Structure formats: C-alpha cells, structure tokens
Amino acid sequence: MTRSEYRHARETLGWTHKRMAEVLGLGRRTPYRYQEGATIPEPAARLLRLLVTLRLTNSEKKFEALVSQLG
C-alpha cells in the first residue's frame, strides 16, 4: 500500500490518525509515519482495504458497529 493509498483509506474511513492507531492496534505515531511514506506491513494494508470496502458498502451506523467488534 502506497502512502497515497493509505491517505485515501484514512480519508474514506473519516478517521483521525488517533482512531487509525486504535483500530489497527498501532502506536499513536505509526499512522503519521505511514502517511509520510513508512512501509505499511501487508496485514495492516489488507485490513485497511477490507475496512474501506466495508465502509463503502454499509451504512455508517452498521460500519461503526462492525468496527466496534474489532476490539
């Protein structure tokens, strides 16, 4: 996942860097590093792609309910 793909995913989800860190189980600075070009591990990239797909195919309420089950 490129930095522009990451930025697009974060914007599509409507999440802050802090929310990204919480949902993905990352340190609070890691989302900033990803957006600046740090390598995104493939498991995190897959999860982000899945979350974007879920966001685009579900209502906001249903999407948030699904995300709340992640942890």
N, C-alpha and C. Protein backbone atom coordinates (compact mmCIF):
# COMPACT_ATOMS: atom_id res chain seq x y z
N MET A 1 0.86 -1.17 0.00
CA MET A 1 0.00 0.00 0.00
C MET A 1 0.90 1.23 0.00
N THR A 2 0.64 2.11 -0.92
CA THR A 2 1.42 3.34 -1.01
C THR A 2 0.90 4.38 -0.01
N ARG A 3 1.68 5.43 0.17
CA ARG A 3 1.25 6.47 1.10
C ARG A 3 -0.02 7.15 0.62
N SER A 4 -0.18 7.30 -0.70
CA SER A 4 -1.42 7.91 -1.21
C SER A 4 -2.62 6.98 -1.02
N GLU A 5 -2.40 5.67 -1.16
CA GLU A 5 -3.48 4.72 -0.89
C GLU A 5 -3.86 4.76 0.59
N TYR A 6 -2.85 4.86 1.46
CA TYR A 6 -3.11 4.95 2.89
C TYR A 6 -3.91 6.22 3.20
N ARG A 7 -3.49 7.33 2.65
CA ARG A 7 -4.20 8.60 2.88
C ARG A 7 -5.64 8.50 2.39
N HIS A 8 -5.82 7.92 1.21
CA HIS A 8 -7.17 7.75 0.67
C HIS A 8 -8.02 6.87 1.60
N ALA A 9 -7.43 5.79 2.10
CA ALA A 9 -8.16 4.90 3.02
C ALA A 9 -8.57 5.65 4.27
N ARG A 10 -7.66 6.40 4.85
CA ARG A 10 -7.96 7.14 6.08
C ARG A 10 -9.05 8.18 5.83
N GLU A 11 -8.97 8.86 4.72
CA GLU A 11 -9.98 9.87 4.40
C GLU A 11 -11.34 9.22 4.11
N THR A 12 -11.33 8.09 3.42
CA THR A 12 -12.58 7.38 3.13
C THR A 12 -13.24 6.92 4.42
N LEU A 13 -12.44 6.44 5.35
CA LEU A 13 -12.96 6.00 6.63
C LEU A 13 -13.39 7.18 7.50
N GLY A 14 -12.84 8.35 7.22
CA GLY A 14 -13.16 9.52 8.01
C GLY A 14 -12.53 9.51 9.40
N TRP A 15 -11.40 8.85 9.50
CA TRP A 15 -10.75 8.67 10.79
C TRP A 15 -9.54 9.58 10.95
N THR A 16 -9.32 9.95 12.20
CA THR A 16 -8.10 10.68 12.55
C THR A 16 -6.96 9.66 12.64
N HIS A 17 -5.75 10.16 12.76
CA HIS A 17 -4.60 9.27 12.96
C HIS A 17 -4.78 8.49 14.26
N LYS A 18 -5.31 9.16 15.27
CA LYS A 18 -5.52 8.51 16.56
C LYS A 18 -6.49 7.33 16.43
N ARG A 19 -7.58 7.53 15.69
CA ARG A 19 -8.55 6.44 15.50
C ARG A 19 -7.92 5.29 14.72
N MET A 20 -7.14 5.61 13.70
CA MET A 20 -6.46 4.56 12.93
C MET A 20 -5.58 3.73 13.85
N ALA A 21 -4.84 4.38 14.72
CA ALA A 21 -3.96 3.67 15.65
C ALA A 21 -4.77 2.76 16.56
N GLU A 22 -5.89 3.26 17.06
CA GLU A 22 -6.72 2.46 17.97
C GLU A 22 -7.26 1.22 17.28
N VAL A 23 -7.84 1.39 16.10
CA VAL A 23 -8.49 0.27 15.40
C VAL A 23 -7.46 -0.75 14.92
N LEU A 24 -6.32 -0.27 14.43
CA LEU A 24 -5.31 -1.18 13.88
C LEU A 24 -4.36 -1.71 14.95
N GLY A 25 -4.49 -1.22 16.17
CA GLY A 25 -3.62 -1.68 17.25
C GLY A 25 -2.19 -1.21 17.10
N LEU A 26 -2.04 0.05 16.69
CA LEU A 26 -0.71 0.62 16.44
C LEU A 26 -0.34 1.62 17.51
N GLY A 27 0.94 1.94 17.57
CA GLY A 27 1.39 3.05 18.40
C GLY A 27 0.81 4.34 17.84
N ARG A 28 0.67 5.35 18.68
CA ARG A 28 -0.02 6.56 18.24
C ARG A 28 0.70 7.33 17.13
N ARG A 29 1.99 7.17 16.98
CA ARG A 29 2.75 7.87 15.93
C ARG A 29 2.79 7.09 14.60
N THR A 30 2.51 5.81 14.66
CA THR A 30 2.64 4.98 13.46
C THR A 30 1.77 5.45 12.30
N PRO A 31 0.50 5.81 12.49
CA PRO A 31 -0.29 6.30 11.34
C PRO A 31 0.33 7.53 10.67
N TYR A 32 0.94 8.41 11.45
CA TYR A 32 1.63 9.56 10.85
C TYR A 32 2.79 9.09 9.98
N ARG A 33 3.51 8.09 10.47
CA ARG A 33 4.65 7.56 9.71
C ARG A 33 4.18 6.93 8.40
N TYR A 34 3.07 6.19 8.46
CA TYR A 34 2.52 5.59 7.24
C TYR A 34 2.18 6.68 6.22
N GLN A 35 1.54 7.74 6.68
CA GLN A 35 1.15 8.79 5.75
C GLN A 35 2.35 9.53 5.19
N GLU A 36 3.46 9.50 5.91
CA GLU A 36 4.69 10.14 5.42
C GLU A 36 5.53 9.21 4.57
N GLY A 37 5.09 7.96 4.40
CA GLY A 37 5.79 7.07 3.48
C GLY A 37 6.44 5.85 4.09
N ALA A 38 6.31 5.64 5.40
CA ALA A 38 6.87 4.43 6.02
C ALA A 38 6.17 3.20 5.46
N THR A 39 6.88 2.11 5.40
CA THR A 39 6.33 0.87 4.88
C THR A 39 5.19 0.37 5.77
N ILE A 40 4.08 0.05 5.13
CA ILE A 40 2.91 -0.47 5.84
C ILE A 40 2.94 -1.99 5.70
N PRO A 41 3.00 -2.71 6.82
CA PRO A 41 3.02 -4.17 6.74
C PRO A 41 1.78 -4.70 6.01
N GLU A 42 1.95 -5.76 5.27
CA GLU A 42 0.86 -6.29 4.46
C GLU A 42 -0.39 -6.63 5.27
N PRO A 43 -0.28 -7.22 6.47
CA PRO A 43 -1.51 -7.48 7.23
C PRO A 43 -2.31 -6.20 7.54
N ALA A 44 -1.63 -5.12 7.86
CA ALA A 44 -2.31 -3.85 8.12
C ALA A 44 -2.92 -3.30 6.84
N ALA A 45 -2.22 -3.42 5.73
CA ALA A 45 -2.74 -2.95 4.45
C ALA A 45 -3.99 -3.73 4.05
N ARG A 46 -3.98 -5.04 4.25
CA ARG A 46 -5.16 -5.86 3.94
C ARG A 46 -6.34 -5.45 4.80
N LEU A 47 -6.10 -5.24 6.08
CA LEU A 47 -7.17 -4.83 6.98
C LEU A 47 -7.73 -3.47 6.55
N LEU A 48 -6.88 -2.56 6.18
CA LEU A 48 -7.35 -1.25 5.73
C LEU A 48 -8.20 -1.37 4.47
N ARG A 49 -7.77 -2.19 3.54
CA ARG A 49 -8.55 -2.38 2.30
C ARG A 49 -9.92 -2.97 2.63
N LEU A 50 -9.95 -3.93 3.54
CA LEU A 50 -11.21 -4.54 3.95
C LEU A 50 -12.11 -3.50 4.63
N LEU A 51 -11.53 -2.69 5.52
CA LEU A 51 -12.31 -1.67 6.21
C LEU A 51 -12.89 -0.65 5.22
N VAL A 52 -12.12 -0.26 4.23
CA VAL A 52 -12.62 0.67 3.22
C VAL A 52 -13.77 0.05 2.46
N THR A 53 -13.63 -1.21 2.07
CA THR A 53 -14.70 -1.91 1.36
C THR A 53 -15.96 -1.97 2.22
N LEU A 54 -15.79 -2.31 3.48
CA LEU A 54 -16.95 -2.36 4.39
C LEU A 54 -17.59 -0.99 4.54
N ARG A 55 -16.77 0.04 4.63
CA ARG A 55 -17.31 1.40 4.78
C ARG A 55 -18.10 1.81 3.55
N LEU A 56 -17.61 1.46 2.38
CA LEU A 56 -18.27 1.87 1.15
C LEU A 56 -19.54 1.06 0.86
N THR A 57 -19.68 -0.09 1.48
CA THR A 57 -20.83 -0.96 1.19
C THR A 57 -21.83 -1.06 2.33
N ASN A 58 -21.61 -0.32 3.41
CA ASN A 58 -22.51 -0.36 4.55
C ASN A 58 -22.85 1.05 5.01
N SER A 59 -23.96 1.17 5.72
CA SER A 59 -24.31 2.46 6.32
C SER A 59 -23.27 2.79 7.39
N GLU A 60 -23.18 4.05 7.74
CA GLU A 60 -22.20 4.45 8.76
C GLU A 60 -22.48 3.75 10.08
N LYS A 61 -23.75 3.65 10.46
CA LYS A 61 -24.11 3.01 11.73
C LYS A 61 -23.69 1.54 11.74
N LYS A 62 -23.98 0.84 10.65
CA LYS A 62 -23.61 -0.59 10.57
C LYS A 62 -22.09 -0.75 10.55
N PHE A 63 -21.42 0.14 9.81
CA PHE A 63 -19.97 0.08 9.74
C PHE A 63 -19.34 0.27 11.11
N GLU A 64 -19.80 1.27 11.85
CA GLU A 64 -19.26 1.51 13.18
C GLU A 64 -19.54 0.33 14.11
N ALA A 65 -20.66 -0.32 13.95
CA ALA A 65 -20.97 -1.49 14.76
C ALA A 65 -19.98 -2.62 14.45
N LEU A 66 -19.67 -2.79 13.18
CA LEU A 66 -18.68 -3.82 12.78
C LEU A 66 -17.30 -3.50 13.33
N VAL A 67 -16.91 -2.25 13.23
CA VAL A 67 -15.59 -1.83 13.71
C VAL A 67 -15.48 -1.99 15.23
N SER A 68 -16.55 -1.70 15.92
CA SER A 68 -16.51 -1.82 17.39
C SER A 68 -16.26 -3.24 17.83
N GLN A 69 -16.55 -4.20 17.00
CA GLN A 69 -16.31 -5.61 17.32
C GLN A 69 -14.85 -6.01 17.16
N LEU A 70 -14.05 -5.14 16.53
CA LEU A 70 -12.63 -5.46 16.33
C LEU A 70 -11.84 -5.41 17.62
N GLY A 71 -12.32 -4.68 18.56
CA GLY A 71 -11.51 -4.69 19.75
C GLY A 71 -11.79 -3.65 20.71
